[in-house]
């Protein structure tokens, strides 16, 4: 489990990158050092959003409509 000493209970979390304002009820998965967010209502897209815990930075991984085959 990742220990994040800079996070304090009851205090707002400050992040950088594209804010996910307007996104509600998304699906998410937490790993040791990242939080992956997908879907939801409001400003929903087909993009995958990643919060990097090391620097509290959001990154957006854009979905591609290109079809790829498996070899």
Protein backbone atom coordinates (compact mmCIF):
# COMPACT_ATOMS: atom_id res chain seq x y z
CA UNK A 1 0.00 0.00 0.00
CA UNK A 2 1.30 3.42 -0.92
CA UNK A 3 1.84 5.82 1.97
CA UNK A 4 1.21 9.42 0.95
CA UNK A 5 2.39 11.55 3.90
CA UNK A 6 1.35 14.82 2.23
CA UNK A 7 -2.34 13.79 2.28
CA UNK A 8 -4.13 14.90 5.43
CA UNK A 9 -7.61 13.80 6.47
CA UNK A 10 -10.20 16.52 5.87
CA UNK A 11 -7.87 18.61 3.70
CA UNK A 12 -8.42 19.26 -0.02
CA UNK A 13 -6.16 17.44 -2.46
CA UNK A 14 -4.34 19.69 -4.93
CA UNK A 15 -3.47 18.18 -8.30
CA UNK A 16 -2.09 19.44 -11.60
CA UNK A 17 -3.13 18.61 -15.15
CA UNK A 18 -6.62 18.43 -16.62
CA UNK A 19 -9.19 18.53 -13.83
CA UNK A 20 -12.00 15.96 -13.99
CA UNK A 21 -14.71 18.44 -12.90
CA UNK A 22 -18.17 17.42 -14.02
CA UNK A 23 -17.39 13.70 -14.02
CA UNK A 24 -19.59 11.69 -11.66
CA UNK A 25 -19.84 7.98 -10.85
CA UNK A 26 -16.84 6.85 -12.89
CA UNK A 27 -15.15 3.48 -12.63
CA UNK A 28 -11.72 3.56 -11.07
CA UNK A 29 -8.84 1.30 -10.10
CA UNK A 30 -6.02 2.14 -7.67
CA UNK A 31 -2.56 0.63 -7.96
CA UNK A 32 0.42 1.32 -5.70
CA UNK A 33 1.30 4.61 -7.36
CA UNK A 34 -1.60 5.51 -9.69
CA UNK A 35 -5.37 5.94 -9.83
CA UNK A 36 -7.04 5.05 -13.15
CA UNK A 37 -10.45 6.66 -13.88
CA UNK A 38 -12.77 5.77 -16.77
CA UNK A 39 -16.33 6.62 -17.79
CA UNK A 40 -18.99 8.21 -15.64
CA UNK A 41 -21.68 10.75 -16.31
CA UNK A 42 -21.50 14.45 -17.03
CA UNK A 43 -18.42 15.28 -19.13
CA UNK A 44 -17.85 11.60 -19.93
CA UNK A 45 -15.49 10.60 -22.70
CA UNK A 46 -13.92 7.34 -23.78
CA UNK A 47 -10.55 8.48 -22.45
CA UNK A 48 -8.69 6.93 -19.55
CA UNK A 49 -7.51 9.39 -16.88
CA UNK A 50 -4.53 8.60 -14.65
CA UNK A 51 -3.55 10.35 -11.41
CA UNK A 52 0.16 9.84 -10.65
CA UNK A 53 0.53 9.83 -6.85
CA UNK A 54 4.24 10.76 -6.95
CA UNK A 55 3.52 14.29 -8.16
CA UNK A 56 -0.35 14.40 -7.99
CA UNK A 57 -0.48 15.00 -11.76
CA UNK A 58 -3.39 14.01 -14.01
CA UNK A 59 -2.69 12.51 -17.42
CA UNK A 60 -5.29 11.70 -20.08
CA UNK A 61 -4.78 8.68 -22.32
CA UNK A 62 -6.94 9.28 -25.40
CA UNK A 63 -8.92 6.41 -26.85
CA UNK A 64 -8.21 5.47 -30.44
CA UNK A 65 -10.88 4.45 -32.95
CA UNK A 66 -8.28 2.50 -34.93
CA UNK A 67 -8.97 -1.23 -35.02
CA UNK A 68 -5.98 -3.38 -34.29
CA UNK A 69 -5.71 -7.08 -34.88
CA UNK A 70 -3.99 -9.58 -32.63
CA UNK A 71 -1.14 -11.66 -33.99
